[in-house]
Amino acid sequence: MRKILLPFYEIPTMAKIIKQLTIAQVNNAKAAEKIYYLFDGEGLKLVVKPNGVKTWVFNYKRPYTLKRTEKLSALIQRYRLKMHVKKRLNFANF
């Protein structure tokens, strides 16, 4: 038997795999003209602002309302990778 593919049929794509950031990538993130983001995966991203300030933002769904929300972490002068990975795991497990 032959399968007939309709013109509007699309093959579903896989989700994009995001590698976790390294300490070097975070330290080498320089200020640009616009705000840009470095994604760490599982809802955690680093926001780099034009004045050079780096901030961690965690994007998650609230368990009761199921609405997306962002939680800002403290401003970062010195980056501690292990601390933020633990925070991400704690947020994900509540």
PDB file of N, CA and C in Angstrom:
ATOM      1  N   MET A   1       0.836  -1.183   0.000  1.00  0.00           N
ATOM      2  CA  MET A   1       0.000   0.000   0.000  1.00  0.00           C
ATOM      3  C   MET A   1       0.880   1.245   0.000  1.00  0.00           C
ATOM      4  N   ARG A   2       0.435   2.212  -0.712  1.00  0.00           N
ATOM      5  CA  ARG A   2       1.144   3.475  -0.808  1.00  0.00           C
ATOM      6  C   ARG A   2       0.530   4.494   0.140  1.00  0.00           C
ATOM      7  N   LYS A   3       1.393   5.264   0.773  1.00  0.00           N
ATOM      8  CA  LYS A   3       0.903   6.358   1.606  1.00  0.00           C
ATOM      9  C   LYS A   3       0.853   7.613   0.761  1.00  0.00           C
ATOM     10  N   ILE A   4      -0.227   8.309   0.829  1.00  0.00           N
ATOM     11  CA  ILE A   4      -0.373   9.552   0.079  1.00  0.00           C
ATOM     12  C   ILE A   4      -0.124  10.708   1.041  1.00  0.00           C
ATOM     13  N   LEU A   5       0.848  11.527   0.712  1.00  0.00           N
ATOM     14  CA  LEU A   5       1.152  12.692   1.535  1.00  0.00           C
ATOM     15  C   LEU A   5       0.448  13.901   0.952  1.00  0.00           C
ATOM     16  N   LEU A   6      -0.306  14.550   1.775  1.00  0.00           N
ATOM     17  CA  LEU A   6      -1.009  15.751   1.343  1.00  0.00           C
ATOM     18  C   LEU A   6      -0.039  16.930   1.339  1.00  0.00           C
ATOM     19  N   PRO A   7      -0.270  17.937   0.528  1.00  0.00           N
ATOM     20  CA  PRO A   7       0.671  19.056   0.439  1.00  0.00           C
ATOM     21  C   PRO A   7       0.821  19.841   1.739  1.00  0.00           C
ATOM     22  N   PHE A   8      -0.174  19.823   2.611  1.00  0.00           N
ATOM     23  CA  PHE A   8      -0.090  20.595   3.847  1.00  0.00           C
ATOM     24  C   PHE A   8       0.474  19.768   4.998  1.00  0.00           C
ATOM     25  N   TYR A   9       0.811  18.513   4.741  1.00  0.00           N
ATOM     26  CA  TYR A   9       1.341  17.647   5.784  1.00  0.00           C
ATOM     27  C   TYR A   9       2.792  18.020   6.067  1.00  0.00           C
ATOM     28  N   GLU A  10       3.119  18.205   7.334  1.00  0.00           N
ATOM     29  CA  GLU A  10       4.490  18.526   7.716  1.00  0.00           C
ATOM     30  C   GLU A  10       4.991  17.482   8.698  1.00  0.00           C
ATOM     31  N   ILE A  11       6.241  17.129   8.565  1.00  0.00           N
ATOM     32  CA  ILE A  11       6.852  16.191   9.491  1.00  0.00           C
ATOM     33  C   ILE A  11       7.222  16.965  10.747  1.00  0.00           C
ATOM     34  N   PRO A  12       6.813  16.483  11.922  1.00  0.00           N
ATOM     35  CA  PRO A  12       7.146  17.207  13.152  1.00  0.00           C
ATOM     36  C   PRO A  12       8.656  17.231  13.379  1.00  0.00           C
ATOM     37  N   THR A  13       9.135  18.334  13.898  1.00  0.00           N
ATOM     38  CA  THR A  13      10.566  18.481  14.145  1.00  0.00           C
ATOM     39  C   THR A  13      10.863  18.205  15.613  1.00  0.00           C
ATOM     40  N   MET A  14      12.085  17.866  15.886  1.00  0.00           N
ATOM     41  CA  MET A  14      12.521  17.600  17.255  1.00  0.00           C
ATOM     42  C   MET A  14      12.754  18.932  17.970  1.00  0.00           C
ATOM     43  N   ALA A  15      12.680  18.897  19.284  1.00  0.00           N
ATOM     44  CA  ALA A  15      12.958  20.088  20.076  1.00  0.00           C
ATOM     45  C   ALA A  15      14.446  20.421  19.976  1.00  0.00           C
ATOM     46  N   LYS A  16      14.754  21.701  20.048  1.00  0.00           N
ATOM     47  CA  LYS A  16      16.139  22.134  19.958  1.00  0.00           C
ATOM     48  C   LYS A  16      16.860  21.788  21.259  1.00  0.00           C
ATOM     49  N   ILE A  17      18.028  21.182  21.149  1.00  0.00           N
ATOM     50  CA  ILE A  17      18.816  20.815  22.320  1.00  0.00           C
ATOM     51  C   ILE A  17      19.751  21.971  22.636  1.00  0.00           C
ATOM     52  N   ILE A  18      19.689  22.453  23.879  1.00  0.00           N
ATOM     53  CA  ILE A  18      20.513  23.579  24.296  1.00  0.00           C
ATOM     54  C   ILE A  18      21.585  23.065  25.239  1.00  0.00           C
ATOM     55  N   LYS A  19      22.845  23.352  24.913  1.00  0.00           N
ATOM     56  CA  LYS A  19      23.948  22.955  25.785  1.00  0.00           C
ATOM     57  C   LYS A  19      24.063  23.956  26.921  1.00  0.00           C
ATOM     58  N   GLN A  20      24.474  23.473  28.084  1.00  0.00           N
ATOM     59  CA  GLN A  20      24.625  24.356  29.227  1.00  0.00           C
ATOM     60  C   GLN A  20      25.819  25.280  29.022  1.00  0.00           C
ATOM     61  N   LEU A  21      25.704  26.483  29.572  1.00  0.00           N
ATOM     62  CA  LEU A  21      26.773  27.469  29.451  1.00  0.00           C
ATOM     63  C   LEU A  21      27.978  27.056  30.287  1.00  0.00           C
ATOM     64  N   THR A  22      29.142  27.448  29.829  1.00  0.00           N
ATOM     65  CA  THR A  22      30.361  27.221  30.599  1.00  0.00           C
ATOM     66  C   THR A  22      30.745  28.524  31.287  1.00  0.00           C
ATOM     67  N   ILE A  23      31.652  28.422  32.234  1.00  0.00           N
ATOM     68  CA  ILE A  23      32.107  29.616  32.948  1.00  0.00           C
ATOM     69  C   ILE A  23      32.778  30.583  31.975  1.00  0.00           C
ATOM     70  N   ALA A  24      33.528  30.056  31.028  1.00  0.00           N
ATOM     71  CA  ALA A  24      34.211  30.905  30.042  1.00  0.00           C
ATOM     72  C   ALA A  24      33.209  31.668  29.182  1.00  0.00           C
ATOM     73  N   GLN A  25      32.127  31.022  28.759  1.00  0.00           N
ATOM     74  CA  GLN A  25      31.120  31.701  27.940  1.00  0.00           C
ATOM     75  C   GLN A  25      30.474  32.843  28.713  1.00  0.00           C
ATOM     76  N   VAL A  26      30.215  32.630  29.990  1.00  0.00           N
ATOM     77  CA  VAL A  26      29.593  33.681  30.805  1.00  0.00           C
ATOM     78  C   VAL A  26      30.568  34.828  31.020  1.00  0.00           C
ATOM     79  N   ASN A  27      31.808  34.512  31.343  1.00  0.00           N
ATOM     80  CA  ASN A  27      32.800  35.563  31.576  1.00  0.00           C
ATOM     81  C   ASN A  27      33.123  36.337  30.304  1.00  0.00           C
ATOM     82  N   ASN A  28      33.053  35.695  29.149  1.00  0.00           N
ATOM     83  CA  ASN A  28      33.375  36.348  27.874  1.00  0.00           C
ATOM     84  C   ASN A  28      32.195  37.094  27.263  1.00  0.00           C
ATOM     85  N   ALA A  29      31.032  37.035  27.873  1.00  0.00           N
ATOM     86  CA  ALA A  29      29.863  37.749  27.347  1.00  0.00           C
ATOM     87  C   ALA A  29      30.075  39.249  27.551  1.00  0.00           C
ATOM     88  N   LYS A  30      30.196  39.964  26.458  1.00  0.00           N
ATOM     89  CA  LYS A  30      30.461  41.408  26.501  1.00  0.00           C
ATOM     90  C   LYS A  30      29.193  42.190  26.201  1.00  0.00           C
ATOM     91  N   ALA A  31      29.172  43.422  26.641  1.00  0.00           N
ATOM     92  CA  ALA A  31      28.033  44.298  26.381  1.00  0.00           C
ATOM     93  C   ALA A  31      27.931  44.593  24.891  1.00  0.00           C
ATOM     94  N   ALA A  32      26.699  44.702  24.402  1.00  0.00           N
ATOM     95  CA  ALA A  32      26.440  45.039  23.001  1.00  0.00           C
ATOM     96  C   ALA A  32      25.479  46.224  22.973  1.00  0.00           C
ATOM     97  N   GLU A  33      25.098  46.658  21.779  1.00  0.00           N
ATOM     98  CA  GLU A  33      24.187  47.798  21.663  1.00  0.00           C
ATOM     99  C   GLU A  33      22.802  47.480  22.203  1.00  0.00           C
ATOM    100  N   LYS A  34      22.384  46.223  22.076  1.00  0.00           N
ATOM    101  CA  LYS A  34      21.063  45.805  22.542  1.00  0.00           C
ATOM    102  C   LYS A  34      21.204  44.713  23.592  1.00  0.00           C
ATOM    103  N   ILE A  35      20.138  44.499  24.353  1.00  0.00           N
ATOM    104  CA  ILE A  35      20.099  43.399  25.312  1.00  0.00           C
ATOM    105  C   ILE A  35      20.113  42.087  24.537  1.00  0.00           C
ATOM    106  N   TYR A  36      20.906  41.121  25.003  1.00  0.00           N
ATOM    107  CA  TYR A  36      20.865  39.794  24.388  1.00  0.00           C
ATOM    108  C   TYR A  36      20.887  38.727  25.475  1.00  0.00           C
ATOM    109  N   TYR A  37      20.511  37.512  25.079  1.00  0.00           N
ATOM    110  CA  TYR A  37      20.334  36.418  26.021  1.00  0.00           C
ATOM    111  C   TYR A  37      21.252  35.259  25.670  1.00  0.00           C
ATOM    112  N   LEU A  38      21.788  34.614  26.701  1.00  0.00           N
ATOM    113  CA  LEU A  38      22.522  33.358  26.552  1.00  0.00           C
ATOM    114  C   LEU A  38      21.713  32.308  27.306  1.00  0.00           C
ATOM    115  N   PHE A  39      21.240  31.302  26.597  1.00  0.00           N
ATOM    116  CA  PHE A  39      20.360  30.306  27.198  1.00  0.00           C
ATOM    117  C   PHE A  39      21.172  29.159  27.774  1.00  0.00           C
ATOM    118  N   ASP A  40      20.802  28.747  28.997  1.00  0.00           N
ATOM    119  CA  ASP A  40      21.485  27.670  29.701  1.00  0.00           C
ATOM    120  C   ASP A  40      20.659  26.391  29.704  1.00  0.00           C
ATOM    121  N   GLY A  41      19.447  26.451  29.200  1.00  0.00           N
ATOM    122  CA  GLY A  41      18.588  25.271  29.159  1.00  0.00           C
ATOM    123  C   GLY A  41      17.691  25.174  30.379  1.00  0.00           C
ATOM    124  N   GLU A  42      16.596  24.453  30.235  1.00  0.00           N
ATOM    125  CA  GLU A  42      15.625  24.203  31.301  1.00  0.00           C
ATOM    126  C   GLU A  42      15.100  25.490  31.934  1.00  0.00           C
ATOM    127  N   GLY A  43      14.944  26.534  31.136  1.00  0.00           N
ATOM    128  CA  GLY A  43      14.329  27.765  31.612  1.00  0.00           C
ATOM    129  C   GLY A  43      15.274  28.805  32.179  1.00  0.00           C
ATOM    130  N   LEU A  44      16.553  28.513  32.284  1.00  0.00           N
ATOM    131  CA  LEU A  44      17.507  29.457  32.852  1.00  0.00           C
ATOM    132  C   LEU A  44      18.243  30.175  31.725  1.00  0.00           C
ATOM    133  N   LYS A  45      18.304  31.519  31.817  1.00  0.00           N
ATOM    134  CA  LYS A  45      19.022  32.286  30.796  1.00  0.00           C
ATOM    135  C   LYS A  45      19.771  33.433  31.452  1.00  0.00           C
ATOM    136  N   LEU A  46      20.838  33.850  30.798  1.00  0.00           N
ATOM    137  CA  LEU A  46      21.655  34.961  31.254  1.00  0.00           C
ATOM    138  C   LEU A  46      21.332  36.160  30.380  1.00  0.00           C
ATOM    139  N   VAL A  47      20.952  37.270  30.993  1.00  0.00           N
ATOM    140  CA  VAL A  47      20.627  38.493  30.265  1.00  0.00           C
ATOM    141  C   VAL A  47      21.840  39.417  30.359  1.00  0.00           C
ATOM    142  N   VAL A  48      22.363  39.831  29.205  1.00  0.00           N
ATOM    143  CA  VAL A  48      23.503  40.749  29.159  1.00  0.00           C
ATOM    144  C   VAL A  48      22.992  42.080  28.630  1.00  0.00           C
ATOM    145  N   LYS A  49      23.122  43.125  29.446  1.00  0.00           N
ATOM    146  CA  LYS A  49      22.590  44.443  29.100  1.00  0.00           C
ATOM    147  C   LYS A  49      23.673  45.318  28.478  1.00  0.00           C
ATOM    148  N   PRO A  50      23.285  46.403  27.792  1.00  0.00           N
ATOM    149  CA  PRO A  50      24.266  47.277  27.124  1.00  0.00           C
ATOM    150  C   PRO A  50      25.295  47.903  28.067  1.00  0.00           C
ATOM    151  N   ASN A  51      24.944  48.079  29.335  1.00  0.00           N
ATOM    152  CA  ASN A  51      25.904  48.653  30.281  1.00  0.00           C
ATOM    153  C   ASN A  51      26.828  47.593  30.879  1.00  0.00           C
ATOM    154  N   GLY A  52      26.697  46.323  30.453  1.00  0.00           N
ATOM    155  CA  GLY A  52      27.593  45.262  30.901  1.00  0.00           C
ATOM    156  C   GLY A  52      27.085  44.450  32.078  1.00  0.00           C
ATOM    157  N   VAL A  53      25.922  44.790  32.604  1.00  0.00           N
ATOM    158  CA  VAL A  53      25.358  44.069  33.746  1.00  0.00           C
ATOM    159  C   VAL A  53      24.804  42.726  33.274  1.00  0.00           C
ATOM    160  N   LYS A  54      25.124  41.665  34.014  1.00  0.00           N
ATOM    161  CA  LYS A  54      24.642  40.319  33.697  1.00  0.00           C
ATOM    162  C   LYS A  54      23.674  39.884  34.788  1.00  0.00           C
ATOM    163  N   THR A  55      22.522  39.376  34.380  1.00  0.00           N
ATOM    164  CA  THR A  55      21.485  38.962  35.317  1.00  0.00           C
ATOM    165  C   THR A  55      20.961  37.598  34.904  1.00  0.00           C
ATOM    166  N   TRP A  56      20.713  36.727  35.878  1.00  0.00           N
ATOM    167  CA  TRP A  56      20.107  35.426  35.601  1.00  0.00           C
ATOM    168  C   TRP A  56      18.602  35.544  35.700  1.00  0.00           C
ATOM    169  N   VAL A  57      17.885  34.937  34.765  1.00  0.00           N
ATOM    170  CA  VAL A  57      16.421  34.920  34.765  1.00  0.00           C
ATOM    171  C   VAL A  57      15.975  33.473  34.610  1.00  0.00           C
ATOM    172  N   PHE A  58      15.052  33.057  35.481  1.00  0.00           N
ATOM    173  CA  PHE A  58      14.514  31.696  35.409  1.00  0.00           C
ATOM    174  C   PHE A  58      13.069  31.774  34.953  1.00  0.00           C
ATOM    175  N   ASN A  59      12.742  31.114  33.846  1.00  0.00           N
ATOM    176  CA  ASN A  59      11.400  31.118  33.271  1.00  0.00           C
ATOM    177  C   ASN A  59      10.752  29.774  33.596  1.00  0.00           C
ATOM    178  N   TYR A  60       9.579  29.803  34.243  1.00  0.00           N
ATOM    179  CA  TYR A  60       8.926  28.563  34.644  1.00  0.00           C
ATOM    180  C   TYR A  60       7.416  28.732  34.653  1.00  0.00           C
ATOM    181  N   LYS A  61       6.709  27.612  34.798  1.00  0.00           N
ATOM    182  CA  LYS A  61       5.254  27.639  34.926  1.00  0.00           C
ATOM    183  C   LYS A  61       4.889  27.533  36.394  1.00  0.00           C
ATOM    184  N   ARG A  62       3.961  28.377  36.831  1.00  0.00           N
ATOM    185  CA  ARG A  62       3.480  28.275  38.206  1.00  0.00           C
ATOM    186  C   ARG A  62       2.648  27.002  38.341  1.00  0.00           C
ATOM    187  N   PRO A  63       2.813  26.264  39.442  1.00  0.00           N
ATOM    188  CA  PRO A  63       2.140  24.966  39.546  1.00  0.00           C
ATOM    189  C   PRO A  63       0.617  25.045  39.626  1.00  0.00           C
ATOM    190  N   TYR A  64       0.063  26.099  40.197  1.00  0.00           N
ATOM    191  CA  TYR A  64      -1.390  26.159  40.373  1.00  0.00           C
ATOM    192  C   TYR A  64      -2.097  26.862  39.221  1.00  0.00           C
ATOM    193  N   THR A  65      -1.499  27.947  38.732  1.00  0.00           N
ATOM    194  CA  THR A  65      -2.149  28.702  37.658  1.00  0.00           C
ATOM    195  C   THR A  65      -1.709  28.239  36.272  1.00  0.00           C
ATOM    196  N   LEU A  66      -0.582  27.534  36.194  1.00  0.00           N
ATOM    197  CA  LEU A  66      -0.001  27.059  34.934  1.00  0.00           C
ATOM    198  C   LEU A  66       0.317  28.189  33.959  1.00  0.00           C
ATOM    199  N   LYS A  67       0.577  29.377  34.497  1.00  0.00           N
ATOM    200  CA  LYS A  67       0.978  30.515  33.668  1.00  0.00           C
ATOM    201  C   LYS A  67       2.495  30.653  33.711  1.00  0.00           C
ATOM    202  N   ARG A  68       3.059  31.103  32.604  1.00  0.00           N
ATOM    203  CA  ARG A  68       4.505  31.316  32.533  1.00  0.00           C
ATOM    204  C   ARG A  68       4.879  32.574  33.307  1.00  0.00           C
ATOM    205  N   THR A  69       5.991  32.512  34.005  1.00  0.00           N
ATOM    206  CA  THR A  69       6.481  33.663  34.744  1.00  0.00           C
ATOM    207  C   THR A  69       8.002  33.621  34.774  1.00  0.00           C
ATOM    208  N   GLU A  70       8.608  34.761  35.050  1.00  0.00           N
ATOM    209  CA  GLU A  70      10.059  34.845  35.134  1.00  0.00           C
ATOM    210  C   GLU A  70      10.456  35.280  36.530  1.00  0.00           C
ATOM    211  N   LYS A  71      11.507  34.685  37.040  1.00  0.00           N
ATOM    212  CA  LYS A  71      12.030  35.065  38.343  1.00  0.00           C
ATOM    213  C   LYS A  71      13.458  35.544  38.136  1.00  0.00           C
ATOM    214  N   LEU A  72      13.737  36.751  38.604  1.00  0.00           N
ATOM    215  CA  LEU A  72      15.067  37.325  38.436  1.00  0.00           C
ATOM    216  C   LEU A  72      15.951  36.942  39.600  1.00  0.00           C
ATOM    217  N   SER A  73      17.179  36.618  39.296  1.00  0.00           N
ATOM    218  CA  SER A  73      18.169  36.328  40.316  1.00  0.00           C
ATOM    219  C   SER A  73      18.940  37.623  40.589  1.00  0.00           C
ATOM    220  N   ALA A  74      19.804  37.591  41.567  1.00  0.00           N
ATOM    221  CA  ALA A  74      20.593  38.774  41.914  1.00  0.00           C
ATOM    222  C   ALA A  74      21.553  39.125  40.782  1.00  0.00           C
ATOM    223  N   LEU A  75      21.973  40.363  40.751  1.00  0.00           N
ATOM    224  CA  LEU A  75      22.960  40.780  39.755  1.00  0.00           C
ATOM    225  C   LEU A  75      24.262  40.025  40.000  1.00  0.00           C
ATOM    226  N   ILE A  76      24.952  39.731  38.927  1.00  0.00           N
ATOM    227  CA  ILE A  76      26.152  38.907  39.045  1.00  0.00           C
ATOM    228  C   ILE A  76      27.390  39.742  38.763  1.00  0.00           C
ATOM    229  N   GLN A  77      28.266  39.779  39.721  1.00  0.00           N
ATOM    230  CA  GLN A  77      29.582  40.354  39.486  1.00  0.00           C
ATOM    231  C   GLN A  77      30.582  39.219  39.293  1.00  0.00           C
ATOM    232  N   ARG A  78      30.453  38.192  40.112  1.00  0.00           N
ATOM    233  CA  ARG A  78      31.283  36.993  39.969  1.00  0.00           C
ATOM    234  C   ARG A  78      30.362  35.816  39.760  1.00  0.00           C
ATOM    235  N   TYR A  79      30.645  35.049  38.763  1.00  0.00           N
ATOM    236  CA  TYR A  79      29.762  33.959  38.355  1.00  0.00           C
ATOM    237  C   TYR A  79      30.112  32.684  39.113  1.00  0.00           C
ATOM    238  N   ARG A  80      29.082  32.060  39.694  1.00  0.00           N
ATOM    239  CA  ARG A  80      29.261  30.776  40.361  1.00  0.00           C
ATOM    240  C   ARG A  80      28.334  29.775  39.700  1.00  0.00           C
ATOM    241  N   LEU A  81      28.883  28.937  38.876  1.00  0.00           N
ATOM    242  CA  LEU A  81      28.104  28.003  38.077  1.00  0.00           C
ATOM    243  C   LEU A  81      27.326  27.029  38.949  1.00  0.00           C
ATOM    244  N   LYS A  82      27.958  26.448  39.948  1.00  0.00           N
ATOM    245  CA  LYS A  82      27.304  25.427  40.767  1.00  0.00           C
ATOM    246  C   LYS A  82      26.096  25.991  41.503  1.00  0.00           C
ATOM    247  N   MET A  83      26.199  27.217  41.996  1.00  0.00           N
ATOM    248  CA  MET A  83      25.097  27.822  42.737  1.00  0.00           C
ATOM    249  C   MET A  83      23.863  27.969  41.855  1.00  0.00           C
ATOM    250  N   HIS A  84      24.033  28.407  40.616  1.00  0.00           N
ATOM    251  CA  HIS A  84      22.888  28.633  39.740  1.00  0.00           C
ATOM    252  C   HIS A  84      22.306  27.334  39.205  1.00  0.00           C
ATOM    253  N   VAL A  85      23.146  26.324  39.041  1.00  0.00           N
ATOM    254  CA  VAL A  85      22.613  25.021  38.641  1.00  0.00           C
ATOM    255  C   VAL A  85      21.755  24.463  39.766  1.00  0.00           C
ATOM    256  N   LYS A  86      22.195  24.616  41.006  1.00  0.00           N
ATOM    257  CA  LYS A  86      21.395  24.156  42.153  1.00  0.00           C
ATOM    258  C   LYS A  86      20.085  24.927  42.241  1.00  0.00           C
ATOM    259  N   LYS A  87      20.121  26.241  41.998  1.00  0.00           N
ATOM    260  CA  LYS A  87      18.894  27.040  42.022  1.00  0.00           C
ATOM    261  C   LYS A  87      17.916  26.550  40.974  1.00  0.00           C
ATOM    262  N   ARG A  88      18.428  26.254  39.774  1.00  0.00           N
ATOM    263  CA  ARG A  88      17.564  25.778  38.701  1.00  0.00           C
ATOM    264  C   ARG A  88      16.904  24.465  39.105  1.00  0.00           C
ATOM    265  N   LEU A  89      17.659  23.569  39.715  1.00  0.00           N
ATOM    266  CA  LEU A  89      17.099  22.287  40.141  1.00  0.00           C
ATOM    267  C   LEU A  89      16.075  22.479  41.254  1.00  0.00           C
ATOM    268  N   ASN A  90      16.336  23.397  42.180  1.00  0.00           N
ATOM    269  CA  ASN A  90      15.383  23.654  43.266  1.00  0.00           C
ATOM    270  C   ASN A  90      14.083  24.239  42.738  1.00  0.00           C
ATOM    271  N   PHE A  91      14.158  25.178  41.782  1.00  0.00           N
ATOM    272  CA  PHE A  91      12.951  25.765  41.203  1.00  0.00           C
ATOM    273  C   PHE A  91      12.153  24.714  40.448  1.00  0.00           C
ATOM    274  N   ALA A  92      12.852  23.842  39.740  1.00  0.00           N
ATOM    275  CA  ALA A  92      12.170  22.845  38.919  1.00  0.00           C
ATOM    276  C   ALA A  92      11.483  21.785  39.770  1.00  0.00           C
ATOM    277  N   ASN A  93      11.949  21.576  40.991  1.00  0.00           N
ATOM    278  CA  ASN A  93      11.409  20.501  41.825  1.00  0.00           C
ATOM    279  C   ASN A  93      10.331  20.940  42.806  1.00  0.00           C
ATOM    280  N   PHE A  94       9.968  22.222  42.840  1.00  0.00           N
ATOM    281  CA  PHE A  94       8.948  22.632  43.811  1.00  0.00           C
ATOM    282  C   PHE A  94       7.632  22.254  43.316  1.00  0.00           C
TER     283      PHE A  94
END
